[in-house]
Amino acid sequence: MEDLKVTWVQTDLKWEDPRANLDHFRELLNGVHDTDLILLPEMFNTGFSINPSGCAETPDGPSAAFLKETALKKDCAVAGTMLVSENGNFFNRLYFYFPDGACEIYDKRHLFRLSEEYRIISGGKKKTIIRYKGWKILPLVCYDLRFPVWSKNRYENEEYEYDFLFYLANWPDNRSWVWRSLLMARAIENQAYVAGVNRTGTDHFGALHSGGSMICDAKGKIMAEAADNQTSVQTVSLCYRDLQLFRDSFTLGMDWDSFTIHD
């Protein structure tokens, strides 16, 4: 199994201005080459807005087209979320575009109750396990980080459900300790690589986002971390052999509890 090169983009976002944000990401990604996967913050095109009339796009709108265009141009996978309107409902939808332009999606399940997100947006009903370059990847979004059952890895038929878990977020600075702590915890409890990709800057409501994008190994050790309040484009190589050796030597997965999640 080959290593997986993961690139995150941590940066400020222009409020409800897709054109400016897409242009900004094009510029930031100009120098990115030789990577397997690019991760962008939650609602990379607008910032965390729950204003459907001004921000919701169709499933194949310009922001989704940007992700597809980037995947094709860079010959790598690209993931980002946006506010999507579909069949009379709104979703905070994560797109994962493959290098050939194919796509898988995940709709954010846990909707933030301290905002109006849970009133306006429909929550997703199912996890999406993506198979890419031999890796099994679980994509989740921001507030999902606080719900360990939803991200819980499984070990069945001598196989782990996933190898790499990532969260795309707009996580505020005043809860940065929670962000950092839970990312490490998710890695430890699931014996998987975990990445969190966050934005910087102050949003329309005055909330500061300091970033703190990071990647942990399966032991919870931080492999790389972005400096606070700075734009950061970093590439980290995830070694499958190291992951397998750790899992084989510390067989935690064999003792995990089995469970069922009900909607």
Protein backbone atom coordinates (compact mmCIF):
# COMPACT_ATOMS: atom_id res chain seq x y z
CA MET A 1 0.00 0.00 0.00
CA GLU A 2 1.43 3.37 -0.99
CA ASP A 3 1.61 6.35 1.36
CA LEU A 4 -1.08 9.03 1.10
CA LYS A 5 0.05 12.64 0.65
CA VAL A 6 -2.49 14.98 2.22
CA THR A 7 -2.45 18.76 1.71
CA TRP A 8 -4.51 21.11 3.86
CA VAL A 9 -5.34 24.73 3.09
CA GLN A 10 -5.95 26.90 6.17
CA THR A 11 -6.90 30.48 5.36
CA ASP A 12 -9.31 33.35 5.98
CA LEU A 13 -12.63 33.32 4.13
CA LYS A 14 -14.55 36.21 2.62
CA TRP A 15 -18.07 36.35 4.00
CA GLU A 16 -20.69 35.09 1.51
CA ASP A 17 -18.45 35.91 -1.46
CA PRO A 18 -17.94 32.72 -3.49
CA ARG A 19 -16.17 34.41 -6.38
CA ALA A 20 -13.54 36.01 -4.14
CA ASN A 21 -13.02 32.79 -2.19
CA LEU A 22 -12.67 30.60 -5.28
CA ASP A 23 -10.15 33.04 -6.76
CA HIS A 24 -8.25 33.03 -3.46
CA PHE A 25 -8.07 29.23 -3.35
CA ARG A 26 -6.94 29.09 -6.98
CA GLU A 27 -4.05 31.36 -6.05
CA LEU A 28 -3.15 29.40 -2.93
CA LEU A 29 -3.21 26.11 -4.84
CA ASN A 30 -1.00 27.32 -7.69
CA GLY A 31 2.09 26.03 -5.93
CA VAL A 32 0.61 22.69 -4.86
CA HIS A 33 1.99 19.74 -6.80
CA ASP A 34 2.60 16.05 -6.18
CA THR A 35 -0.15 15.45 -3.65
CA ASP A 36 -2.91 12.86 -3.40
CA LEU A 37 -5.60 14.79 -1.54
CA ILE A 38 -6.36 18.48 -0.92
CA LEU A 39 -8.58 19.41 2.04
CA LEU A 40 -10.33 22.80 2.29
CA PRO A 41 -12.19 24.26 5.30
CA GLU A 42 -15.93 23.88 5.84
CA MET A 43 -17.99 26.11 3.52
CA PHE A 44 -14.77 27.19 1.83
CA ASN A 45 -16.76 29.27 -0.66
CA THR A 46 -18.79 31.44 1.76
CA GLY A 47 -17.66 30.95 5.33
CA PHE A 48 -20.09 29.30 7.74
CA SER A 49 -23.27 30.96 6.51
CA ILE A 50 -26.76 29.55 6.92
CA ASN A 51 -28.29 32.04 4.51
CA PRO A 52 -29.69 29.82 1.76
CA SER A 53 -31.06 32.67 -0.33
CA GLY A 54 -27.60 34.17 -0.69
CA CYS A 55 -25.33 31.14 -0.50
CA ALA A 56 -27.02 27.87 -1.45
CA GLU A 57 -25.95 26.43 -4.79
CA THR A 58 -27.30 23.59 -6.86
CA PRO A 59 -25.45 20.28 -6.48
CA ASP A 60 -23.50 20.98 -9.67
CA GLY A 61 -23.07 24.72 -9.10
CA PRO A 62 -19.91 26.83 -9.54
CA SER A 63 -18.27 25.85 -6.25
CA ALA A 64 -18.67 22.13 -6.94
CA ALA A 65 -17.34 22.80 -10.44
CA PHE A 66 -14.29 24.47 -8.88
CA LEU A 67 -13.54 21.38 -6.81
CA LYS A 68 -13.89 19.14 -9.85
CA GLU A 69 -11.75 21.45 -11.97
CA THR A 70 -9.05 21.46 -9.29
CA ALA A 71 -9.07 17.66 -8.97
CA LEU A 72 -8.68 17.25 -12.72
CA LYS A 73 -6.01 19.92 -13.03
CA LYS A 74 -3.94 18.76 -10.05
CA ASP A 75 -4.52 15.05 -10.73
CA CYS A 76 -5.49 14.47 -7.11
CA ALA A 77 -8.59 14.21 -4.94
CA VAL A 78 -10.11 17.41 -3.50
CA ALA A 79 -12.61 17.79 -0.64
CA GLY A 80 -14.63 20.77 0.58
CA THR A 81 -18.13 21.56 1.85
CA MET A 82 -20.75 24.07 0.76
CA LEU A 83 -24.39 24.96 1.29
CA VAL A 84 -26.44 23.04 -1.28
CA SER A 85 -30.10 23.25 -2.30
CA GLU A 86 -31.66 20.00 -3.47
CA ASN A 87 -35.30 18.93 -3.77
CA GLY A 88 -36.51 21.72 -1.50
CA ASN A 89 -33.98 20.98 1.25
CA PHE A 90 -30.65 22.51 2.21
CA PHE A 91 -27.55 20.53 3.13
CA ASN A 92 -24.06 21.30 4.38
CA ARG A 93 -22.60 18.93 1.81
CA LEU A 94 -19.06 17.62 1.63
CA TYR A 95 -17.84 16.83 -1.87
CA PHE A 96 -14.93 14.45 -2.45
CA TYR A 97 -13.80 14.70 -6.06
CA PHE A 98 -11.45 12.05 -7.44
CA PRO A 99 -8.68 12.85 -9.96
CA ASP A 100 -10.86 11.57 -12.81
CA GLY A 101 -13.75 13.90 -11.89
CA ALA A 102 -15.92 11.26 -10.19
CA CYS A 103 -17.47 12.34 -6.90
CA GLU A 104 -18.76 11.04 -3.58
CA ILE A 105 -20.69 13.13 -1.06
CA TYR A 106 -21.40 13.28 2.65
CA ASP A 107 -24.10 15.49 4.20
CA LYS A 108 -23.17 16.84 7.63
CA ARG A 109 -25.15 14.91 10.22
CA HIS A 110 -24.75 16.94 13.42
CA LEU A 111 -26.11 20.46 12.98
CA PHE A 112 -24.93 23.19 15.31
CA ARG A 113 -27.66 23.94 17.84
CA LEU A 114 -26.09 27.21 19.05
CA SER A 115 -26.81 28.66 15.61
CA GLU A 116 -29.84 28.29 13.37
CA GLU A 117 -28.12 25.58 11.33
CA TYR A 118 -30.28 22.83 12.83
CA ARG A 119 -33.48 24.71 11.90
CA ILE A 120 -32.53 25.53 8.31
CA ILE A 121 -30.34 22.68 7.14
CA SER A 122 -31.28 19.00 6.85
CA GLY A 123 -28.92 16.57 8.55
CA GLY A 124 -27.32 13.66 6.74
CA LYS A 125 -28.42 10.11 7.49
CA LYS A 126 -25.43 7.98 6.60
CA LYS A 127 -21.66 7.78 6.86
CA THR A 128 -19.63 7.68 3.68
CA ILE A 129 -16.55 5.47 3.53
CA ILE A 130 -14.45 6.47 0.55
CA ARG A 131 -11.98 4.08 -1.04
CA TYR A 132 -9.07 5.91 -2.61
CA LYS A 133 -5.62 4.63 -3.54
CA GLY A 134 -6.19 1.58 -1.37
CA TRP A 135 -7.07 3.70 1.69
CA LYS A 136 -10.45 3.75 3.39
CA ILE A 137 -11.35 7.32 4.32
CA LEU A 138 -14.14 8.72 6.51
CA PRO A 139 -15.03 12.39 5.79
CA LEU A 140 -16.87 14.38 8.49
CA VAL A 141 -17.71 18.03 9.14
CA CYS A 142 -16.97 20.39 12.06
CA TYR A 143 -19.59 19.76 14.81
CA ASP A 144 -19.47 16.02 14.01
CA LEU A 145 -16.18 16.05 15.93
CA ARG A 146 -18.06 16.21 19.25
CA PHE A 147 -19.94 12.94 18.63
CA PRO A 148 -17.57 9.98 19.00
CA VAL A 149 -20.16 7.30 18.28
CA TRP A 150 -20.72 8.69 14.77
CA SER A 151 -17.01 8.48 13.96
CA LYS A 152 -16.37 5.19 15.79
CA ASN A 153 -14.24 2.82 13.78
CA ARG A 154 -15.22 -0.84 13.50
CA TYR A 155 -13.21 -4.03 13.23
CA GLU A 156 -15.06 -6.78 11.40
CA ASN A 157 -13.84 -9.80 9.44
CA GLU A 158 -10.24 -8.88 10.31
CA GLU A 159 -10.62 -5.49 8.65
CA TYR A 160 -10.90 -1.92 9.91
CA GLU A 161 -13.77 0.17 8.60
CA TYR A 162 -11.44 3.08 7.82
CA ASP A 163 -7.80 4.17 7.98
CA PHE A 164 -8.03 7.95 7.77
CA LEU A 165 -10.63 10.29 9.27
CA PHE A 166 -10.80 14.00 8.46
CA TYR A 167 -12.92 16.92 9.61
CA LEU A 168 -13.47 20.11 7.59
CA ALA A 169 -14.43 22.93 9.94
CA ASN A 170 -15.15 26.54 10.83
CA TRP A 171 -14.19 26.07 14.50
CA PRO A 172 -13.94 29.23 16.64
CA ASP A 173 -10.85 30.19 18.61
CA ASN A 174 -12.67 30.27 21.97
CA ARG A 175 -13.12 26.49 21.69
CA SER A 176 -9.70 25.74 20.22
CA TRP A 177 -8.66 23.57 23.18
CA VAL A 178 -11.66 21.34 22.55
CA TRP A 179 -10.76 21.15 18.86
CA ARG A 180 -7.21 20.08 19.57
CA SER A 181 -8.13 17.63 22.32
CA LEU A 182 -10.91 15.89 20.41
CA LEU A 183 -8.86 15.45 17.25
CA MET A 184 -6.21 13.62 19.26
CA ALA A 185 -8.88 11.59 21.06
CA ARG A 186 -10.56 10.54 17.80
CA ALA A 187 -7.19 9.26 16.53
CA ILE A 188 -6.45 7.28 19.70
CA GLU A 189 -9.87 5.67 20.08
CA ASN A 190 -10.18 4.74 16.40
CA GLN A 191 -6.58 3.67 15.68
CA ALA A 192 -6.55 5.81 12.55
CA TYR A 193 -4.90 8.91 11.16
CA VAL A 194 -7.02 12.00 11.86
CA ALA A 195 -6.88 15.45 10.24
CA GLY A 196 -8.74 18.62 11.12
CA VAL A 197 -8.76 21.51 8.64
CA ASN A 198 -10.01 24.84 9.94
CA ARG A 199 -10.27 28.43 8.74
CA THR A 200 -8.70 31.61 10.12
CA GLY A 201 -10.03 35.15 10.41
CA THR A 202 -13.12 36.79 11.90
CA ASP A 203 -16.52 35.91 10.49
CA HIS A 204 -19.59 38.08 9.94
CA PHE A 205 -20.72 37.52 13.54
CA GLY A 206 -17.42 38.61 15.05
CA ALA A 207 -16.21 35.10 15.92
CA LEU A 208 -12.45 34.67 15.64
CA HIS A 209 -11.11 31.51 14.03
CA SER A 210 -7.44 30.89 14.76
CA GLY A 211 -7.00 27.77 12.61
CA GLY A 212 -5.16 25.01 14.40
CA SER A 213 -5.29 22.68 11.41
CA MET A 214 -3.44 19.48 12.25
CA ILE A 215 -2.87 15.81 11.47
CA CYS A 216 -2.42 13.11 14.13
CA ASP A 217 -1.16 9.57 13.80
CA ALA A 218 -3.08 6.60 15.20
CA LYS A 219 -1.44 7.06 18.61
CA GLY A 220 -2.77 10.61 18.84
CA LYS A 221 0.65 12.17 18.26
CA ILE A 222 0.53 15.40 16.27
CA MET A 223 2.46 14.93 13.04
CA ALA A 224 2.00 18.48 11.76
CA GLU A 225 0.13 21.58 12.91
CA ALA A 226 -0.52 24.98 11.37
CA ALA A 227 0.47 28.16 13.15
CA ASP A 228 -2.46 30.06 14.62
CA ASN A 229 -3.95 32.98 12.70
CA GLN A 230 -1.86 32.33 9.60
CA THR A 231 -2.56 31.03 6.14
CA SER A 232 -1.03 27.58 5.88
CA VAL A 233 -0.70 25.17 2.97
CA GLN A 234 1.04 22.02 4.15
CA THR A 235 1.47 18.51 2.80
CA VAL A 236 1.87 15.54 5.15
CA SER A 237 2.59 11.98 4.07
CA LEU A 238 0.59 9.27 5.85
CA CYS A 239 2.39 5.91 6.00
CA TYR A 240 0.10 2.91 5.73
CA ARG A 241 2.82 0.50 6.82
CA ASP A 242 3.30 2.39 10.10
CA LEU A 243 -0.45 2.28 10.69
CA GLN A 244 -0.61 -1.44 10.00
CA LEU A 245 2.35 -2.20 12.25
CA PHE A 246 0.77 -0.29 15.13
CA ARG A 247 -2.59 -1.99 14.67
CA ASP A 248 -0.93 -5.42 14.51
CA SER A 249 1.13 -4.80 17.66
CA PHE A 250 -1.69 -3.21 19.70
CA THR A 251 -4.83 -5.10 18.76
CA LEU A 252 -7.33 -2.72 20.31
CA GLY A 253 -9.79 -3.13 17.46
CA MET A 254 -10.45 -6.76 18.34
CA ASP A 255 -11.94 -5.64 21.67
CA TRP A 256 -14.14 -2.82 20.42
CA ASP A 257 -17.82 -2.98 21.28
CA SER A 258 -20.28 -3.66 18.48
CA PHE A 259 -23.22 -1.27 18.25
CA THR A 260 -25.95 0.08 16.00
CA ILE A 261 -26.83 3.72 15.38
CA HIS A 262 -30.54 4.51 14.97
CA ASP A 263 -31.74 7.65 13.16
